[in-house]
């Protein structure tokens, strides 16, 4: 009977045995991981202790442990407020629009670029569609102000020249969901197409050549070969993005909307609500409670989405 190998001992010994094995046999690779591990420990895990502020009436002068314990009162105050439904709905609705539209456009861009034969044109086009990702939302907000403001805004001046009425973009909350979706696609869809483009580049080209020999058109190759082969990547990215569906893009929305209360009806999300609560009322306990609710709901959605995916298509599940 053969004696167990080192790999089998590592597998059967559990997590700590596997960690000890890796440190012993791959010390330099483990050392390369050390900065990332320290970063997560300091900035991601150590602050978790302050989740206790969600259950306290936090007073900076008394500290975390000295502040009064109030139980679920901070949660009750949020759930009973008018803002609960508004910010929850806006966060889910806007993020759902962002996820679906950005994914569709990213896949379209990746397929379009993969079909381009001219390498120079392909590189230039790819650089152009990726470039907006590196423009900060602060700069984009300034450009939007020049384009959208009611008086002397480029778009309203153009509408007036055509004999049409002006649109009060910064007073009409109804136009902002579509506007935010457009800006999100413009800023991020090109960058998001990189993953799909890399997946397409790694596909077996012999399948496409065989399909063309059999008389398949370019559209048929895309429909029956490229899109089905992109399914696993698309589902994986979809599940990862679903985990962020309760996280509003604070940088985007706050820079574009700011403290314009007339637009809160369709643009106010959990992140901007928490920020205003901290700045305006300095209620750290309620702010922590809202953030805690946001994190728990995101975790539940990720687990539920992954479980559903595992049942329908096990190969596409994350775990």
Protein backbone atom coordinates (compact mmCIF):
# COMPACT_ATOMS: atom_id res chain seq x y z
CA UNK A 1 0.00 0.00 0.00
CA UNK A 2 1.41 3.37 -1.02
CA UNK A 3 2.17 5.96 1.61
CA UNK A 4 0.23 9.22 1.31
CA UNK A 5 1.95 11.97 -0.66
CA UNK A 6 2.63 15.45 0.63
CA UNK A 7 -0.24 16.84 -1.44
CA UNK A 8 -2.72 14.36 0.03
CA UNK A 9 -1.52 15.15 3.55
CA UNK A 10 -1.95 18.83 2.78
CA UNK A 11 -5.49 18.23 1.50
CA UNK A 12 -6.53 16.03 4.42
CA UNK A 13 -4.98 18.23 7.09
CA UNK A 14 -7.40 21.11 6.69
CA UNK A 15 -6.85 24.82 6.19
CA UNK A 16 -4.13 25.33 8.81
CA UNK A 17 -2.13 22.34 7.57
CA UNK A 18 -2.41 23.61 4.01
CA UNK A 19 -1.29 27.08 5.10
CA UNK A 20 1.69 25.67 6.98
CA UNK A 21 2.60 23.57 3.92
CA UNK A 22 2.48 26.60 1.60
CA UNK A 23 4.56 28.75 3.98
CA UNK A 24 7.16 25.99 4.25
CA UNK A 25 7.42 25.08 0.57
CA UNK A 26 6.51 28.43 -1.08
CA UNK A 27 7.86 31.09 1.31
CA UNK A 28 8.60 33.72 -1.35
CA UNK A 29 5.16 33.43 -2.96
CA UNK A 30 3.58 33.80 0.47
CA UNK A 31 5.75 36.85 1.09
CA UNK A 32 4.39 38.44 -2.09
CA UNK A 33 0.87 37.98 -0.69
CA UNK A 34 1.77 39.64 2.62
CA UNK A 35 1.09 43.30 1.58
CA UNK A 36 -2.37 42.39 0.29
CA UNK A 37 -3.13 40.38 3.44
CA UNK A 38 -2.03 43.28 5.67
CA UNK A 39 -4.12 45.72 3.63
CA UNK A 40 -7.27 43.62 4.06
CA UNK A 41 -6.61 43.05 7.76
CA UNK A 42 -6.08 46.77 8.46
CA UNK A 43 -8.67 48.38 6.19
CA UNK A 44 -11.30 45.65 5.69
CA UNK A 45 -11.41 43.42 8.77
CA UNK A 46 -10.26 45.49 11.73
CA UNK A 47 -12.99 48.17 11.18
CA UNK A 48 -15.66 45.45 11.48
CA UNK A 49 -15.62 45.90 15.25
CA UNK A 50 -17.25 49.31 14.71
CA UNK A 51 -20.38 47.58 13.44
CA UNK A 52 -21.30 47.68 17.11
CA UNK A 53 -22.08 51.38 16.66
CA UNK A 54 -25.23 50.29 14.77
CA UNK A 55 -26.55 49.05 18.12
CA UNK A 56 -25.37 52.00 20.20
CA UNK A 57 -26.06 55.69 20.64
CA UNK A 58 -22.49 56.45 19.74
CA UNK A 59 -20.80 59.39 21.42
CA UNK A 60 -17.21 60.13 20.30
CA UNK A 61 -16.34 61.43 23.76
CA UNK A 62 -17.41 58.13 25.37
CA UNK A 63 -15.90 55.87 22.72
CA UNK A 64 -17.19 52.62 21.29
CA UNK A 65 -17.40 50.68 24.55
CA UNK A 66 -18.64 53.55 26.70
CA UNK A 67 -21.54 54.61 24.46
CA UNK A 68 -25.08 53.67 25.45
CA UNK A 69 -26.44 50.37 24.08
CA UNK A 70 -29.79 50.98 22.31
CA UNK A 71 -30.36 47.61 20.62
CA UNK A 72 -32.36 47.81 17.40
CA UNK A 73 -33.58 51.40 17.83
CA UNK A 74 -31.27 52.71 15.10
CA UNK A 75 -32.68 50.15 12.67
CA UNK A 76 -36.25 50.93 13.70
CA UNK A 77 -35.67 54.63 13.11
CA UNK A 78 -34.47 53.94 9.56
CA UNK A 79 -37.13 51.35 8.69
CA UNK A 80 -39.85 53.65 9.98
CA UNK A 81 -38.67 56.70 8.03
CA UNK A 82 -39.92 57.88 4.65
CA UNK A 83 -36.41 57.51 3.25
CA UNK A 84 -36.28 53.73 3.74
CA UNK A 85 -38.35 52.76 0.72
CA UNK A 86 -37.02 55.58 -1.45
CA UNK A 87 -33.31 54.92 -1.02
CA UNK A 88 -33.73 51.13 -1.10
CA UNK A 89 -35.78 51.21 -4.30
CA UNK A 90 -33.49 53.75 -5.99
CA UNK A 91 -30.38 51.75 -5.08
CA UNK A 92 -31.75 48.47 -6.43
CA UNK A 93 -33.44 50.00 -9.48
CA UNK A 94 -30.47 52.08 -10.62
CA UNK A 95 -27.93 49.32 -10.00
CA UNK A 96 -30.12 46.80 -11.85
CA UNK A 97 -30.21 49.16 -14.82
CA UNK A 98 -26.45 49.70 -14.60
CA UNK A 99 -25.67 45.97 -14.41
CA UNK A 100 -27.92 44.86 -17.26
CA UNK A 101 -27.22 47.69 -19.69
CA UNK A 102 -23.48 47.76 -19.05
CA UNK A 103 -23.23 43.98 -19.51
CA UNK A 104 -25.17 44.03 -22.78
CA UNK A 105 -23.19 46.95 -24.19
CA UNK A 106 -19.86 45.49 -23.01
CA UNK A 107 -20.60 42.18 -24.75
CA UNK A 108 -21.66 44.06 -27.89
CA UNK A 109 -18.42 46.10 -27.88
CA UNK A 110 -16.29 42.99 -27.30
CA UNK A 111 -17.94 41.09 -30.16
CA UNK A 112 -17.71 44.11 -32.47
CA UNK A 113 -14.02 44.59 -31.72
CA UNK A 114 -13.30 40.87 -32.16
CA UNK A 115 -14.82 41.00 -35.65
CA UNK A 116 -12.61 43.90 -36.76
CA UNK A 117 -9.84 42.71 -39.07
CA UNK A 118 -7.68 45.83 -39.24
CA UNK A 119 -5.36 45.64 -36.21
CA UNK A 120 -4.52 49.35 -36.16
CA UNK A 121 -8.18 50.37 -36.34
CA UNK A 122 -9.02 47.79 -33.67
CA UNK A 123 -6.39 49.12 -31.25
CA UNK A 124 -7.41 52.75 -31.78
CA UNK A 125 -11.10 51.95 -31.34
CA UNK A 126 -10.45 49.91 -28.19
CA UNK A 127 -8.41 52.75 -26.70
CA UNK A 128 -11.17 55.25 -27.49
CA UNK A 129 -13.95 53.19 -25.83
CA UNK A 130 -11.81 52.46 -22.76
CA UNK A 131 -10.61 56.06 -22.26
CA UNK A 132 -13.78 57.39 -20.48
CA UNK A 133 -13.16 54.92 -17.64
CA UNK A 134 -10.12 56.99 -16.59
CA UNK A 135 -12.05 60.27 -16.44
CA UNK A 136 -13.13 61.05 -12.88
CA UNK A 137 -16.76 61.68 -12.03
CA UNK A 138 -15.80 65.16 -10.85
CA UNK A 139 -14.68 66.09 -14.36
CA UNK A 140 -17.74 64.39 -15.88
CA UNK A 141 -19.98 66.38 -13.50
CA UNK A 142 -18.43 69.64 -14.70
CA UNK A 143 -18.95 68.62 -18.32
CA UNK A 144 -22.57 67.68 -17.56
CA UNK A 145 -23.17 71.04 -15.93
CA UNK A 146 -21.95 72.81 -19.07
CA UNK A 147 -24.19 70.59 -21.21
CA UNK A 148 -27.31 70.35 -19.05
CA UNK A 149 -27.80 73.63 -17.21
CA UNK A 150 -30.99 75.46 -18.07
CA UNK A 151 -29.43 78.81 -18.85
CA UNK A 152 -26.84 78.70 -21.64
CA UNK A 153 -26.44 74.93 -21.44
CA UNK A 154 -25.36 73.42 -24.76
CA UNK A 155 -28.29 70.99 -25.01
CA UNK A 156 -30.93 73.56 -24.08
CA UNK A 157 -29.45 76.12 -26.45
CA UNK A 158 -29.64 73.51 -29.19
CA UNK A 159 -33.27 72.72 -28.32
CA UNK A 160 -34.18 76.41 -28.39
CA UNK A 161 -32.54 76.79 -31.80
CA UNK A 162 -34.86 74.04 -33.06
CA UNK A 163 -37.90 75.80 -31.61
CA UNK A 164 -38.31 73.28 -28.77
CA UNK A 165 -38.80 73.90 -25.07
CA UNK A 166 -35.97 73.78 -22.60
CA UNK A 167 -35.52 70.82 -20.25
CA UNK A 168 -34.84 71.69 -16.61
CA UNK A 169 -32.44 68.81 -16.01
CA UNK A 170 -31.53 69.92 -12.50
CA UNK A 171 -35.18 70.31 -11.47
CA UNK A 172 -36.83 67.38 -13.26
CA UNK A 173 -36.02 64.16 -11.35
CA UNK A 174 -37.74 61.98 -13.95
CA UNK A 175 -35.02 62.34 -16.58
CA UNK A 176 -32.15 61.31 -14.32
CA UNK A 177 -32.44 57.49 -14.31
CA UNK A 178 -32.00 57.42 -18.11
CA UNK A 179 -29.28 60.06 -17.90
CA UNK A 180 -27.37 58.15 -15.21
CA UNK A 181 -27.62 54.92 -17.20
CA UNK A 182 -26.26 56.67 -20.30
CA UNK A 183 -23.34 58.16 -18.38
CA UNK A 184 -22.57 54.83 -16.70
CA UNK A 185 -22.50 53.02 -20.05
CA UNK A 186 -20.34 55.73 -21.61
CA UNK A 187 -17.90 55.66 -18.70
CA UNK A 188 -17.67 51.93 -17.94
CA UNK A 189 -18.95 49.71 -20.75
CA UNK A 190 -15.77 49.99 -22.81
CA UNK A 191 -13.58 49.05 -19.86
CA UNK A 192 -15.93 46.20 -18.97
CA UNK A 193 -15.59 44.77 -22.46
CA UNK A 194 -11.95 43.83 -21.79
CA UNK A 195 -12.94 40.66 -19.91
CA UNK A 196 -15.27 39.53 -22.69
CA UNK A 197 -12.72 40.41 -25.35
CA UNK A 198 -10.10 38.30 -23.55
CA UNK A 199 -12.59 35.42 -23.34
CA UNK A 200 -13.30 35.64 -27.07
CA UNK A 201 -9.58 35.75 -27.84
CA UNK A 202 -9.11 32.51 -25.87
CA UNK A 203 -11.79 30.60 -27.78
CA UNK A 204 -10.77 27.78 -30.12
CA UNK A 205 -10.66 29.39 -33.56
CA UNK A 206 -10.94 26.02 -35.28
CA UNK A 207 -14.62 25.91 -34.32
CA UNK A 208 -15.26 29.16 -36.16
CA UNK A 209 -13.25 28.02 -39.18
CA UNK A 210 -15.21 24.74 -39.31
CA UNK A 211 -18.48 26.65 -39.04
CA UNK A 212 -17.50 28.95 -41.91
CA UNK A 213 -16.52 25.94 -44.02
CA UNK A 214 -19.98 24.52 -43.40
CA UNK A 215 -21.49 27.76 -44.72
CA UNK A 216 -22.24 29.63 -41.48
CA UNK A 217 -22.42 33.38 -41.82
CA UNK A 218 -20.67 35.79 -39.44
CA UNK A 219 -23.96 36.49 -37.67
CA UNK A 220 -24.64 32.78 -37.20
CA UNK A 221 -21.13 32.25 -35.77
CA UNK A 222 -21.80 35.02 -33.25
CA UNK A 223 -25.25 33.69 -32.34
CA UNK A 224 -24.49 29.97 -32.10
CA UNK A 225 -20.82 29.98 -31.05
CA UNK A 226 -19.59 33.25 -29.52
CA UNK A 227 -22.61 34.12 -27.36
CA UNK A 228 -23.08 30.61 -25.86
CA UNK A 229 -19.36 30.40 -25.08
CA UNK A 230 -19.51 33.79 -23.34
CA UNK A 231 -22.34 32.61 -21.08
CA UNK A 232 -20.17 31.31 -18.24
CA UNK A 233 -18.10 34.51 -18.08
CA UNK A 234 -21.22 36.68 -18.27
CA UNK A 235 -22.99 34.77 -15.47
CA UNK A 236 -19.91 34.88 -13.24
CA UNK A 237 -19.57 38.66 -13.68
CA UNK A 238 -23.31 39.06 -13.21
CA UNK A 239 -23.20 37.27 -9.84
CA UNK A 240 -20.25 39.39 -8.74
CA UNK A 241 -22.08 42.57 -9.75
CA UNK A 242 -25.29 41.41 -8.07
CA UNK A 243 -23.33 41.44 -4.81
CA UNK A 244 -22.93 45.19 -5.25
CA UNK A 245 -26.57 45.87 -6.10
CA UNK A 246 -27.11 47.43 -2.67
CA UNK A 247 -24.00 49.61 -3.04
CA UNK A 248 -24.84 52.82 -4.82
CA UNK A 249 -22.08 54.49 -6.81
CA UNK A 250 -21.48 57.33 -4.36
CA UNK A 251 -18.77 59.04 -6.41
CA UNK A 252 -20.96 59.11 -9.49
CA UNK A 253 -24.26 60.19 -7.97
CA UNK A 254 -22.93 62.66 -5.42
CA UNK A 255 -20.76 64.45 -7.98
CA UNK A 256 -23.60 64.65 -10.51
CA UNK A 257 -26.48 65.40 -8.13
CA UNK A 258 -24.81 66.80 -5.02
CA UNK A 259 -27.31 68.11 -2.46
CA UNK A 260 -30.01 68.98 -4.99
CA UNK A 261 -33.07 67.85 -3.02
CA UNK A 262 -35.33 68.18 -6.09
CA UNK A 263 -33.61 65.13 -7.60
CA UNK A 264 -33.66 62.90 -4.51
CA UNK A 265 -36.87 61.20 -5.63
CA UNK A 266 -35.05 59.20 -8.33
CA UNK A 267 -31.35 59.56 -7.48
CA UNK A 268 -31.02 59.28 -3.70
CA UNK A 269 -29.33 55.95 -2.87
CA UNK A 270 -28.22 54.35 0.39
CA UNK A 271 -24.66 55.65 0.13
CA UNK A 272 -25.63 59.29 -0.41
CA UNK A 273 -28.26 59.00 2.33
CA UNK A 274 -25.68 57.69 4.82
CA UNK A 275 -23.26 60.46 3.87
CA UNK A 276 -25.86 63.19 4.37
CA UNK A 277 -26.89 61.64 7.68
CA UNK A 278 -23.30 61.83 8.89
CA UNK A 279 -22.73 65.38 7.64
CA UNK A 280 -26.09 66.93 8.53
CA UNK A 281 -27.13 65.11 11.72
CA UNK A 282 -23.81 63.49 12.80
CA UNK A 283 -25.85 60.43 13.86
CA UNK A 284 -23.12 57.82 13.63
CA UNK A 285 -25.27 55.06 15.14
CA UNK A 286 -28.05 55.34 12.55
CA UNK A 287 -25.53 55.70 9.72
CA UNK A 288 -23.83 52.48 10.83
CA UNK A 289 -27.23 50.76 11.06
CA UNK A 290 -28.07 51.70 7.46
CA UNK A 291 -24.66 50.51 6.26
CA UNK A 292 -25.08 47.26 8.20
CA UNK A 293 -28.48 46.71 6.57
CA UNK A 294 -26.90 47.41 3.18
CA UNK A 295 -24.12 44.84 3.70
CA UNK A 296 -26.43 42.10 5.00
CA UNK A 297 -28.85 42.50 2.09
CA UNK A 298 -25.98 42.40 -0.41
CA UNK A 299 -24.67 39.18 1.16
CA UNK A 300 -28.12 37.57 1.05
CA UNK A 301 -28.58 38.47 -2.61
CA UNK A 302 -25.17 37.04 -3.57
CA UNK A 303 -25.87 33.76 -1.79
CA UNK A 304 -29.36 33.47 -3.28
CA UNK A 305 -28.17 34.29 -6.80
CA UNK A 306 -25.31 31.81 -6.56
CA UNK A 307 -27.64 29.08 -5.23
CA UNK A 308 -30.07 29.67 -8.09
CA UNK A 309 -27.23 29.61 -10.62
CA UNK A 310 -25.86 26.38 -9.15
CA UNK A 311 -29.25 24.78 -9.56
CA UNK A 312 -29.76 25.96 -13.15
CA UNK A 313 -26.16 25.86 -14.43
CA UNK A 314 -23.63 24.43 -11.90
CA UNK A 315 -20.62 25.25 -14.08
CA UNK A 316 -21.39 28.97 -13.93
CA UNK A 317 -21.69 29.24 -10.13
CA UNK A 318 -18.99 30.99 -8.11
CA UNK A 319 -18.88 28.32 -5.38
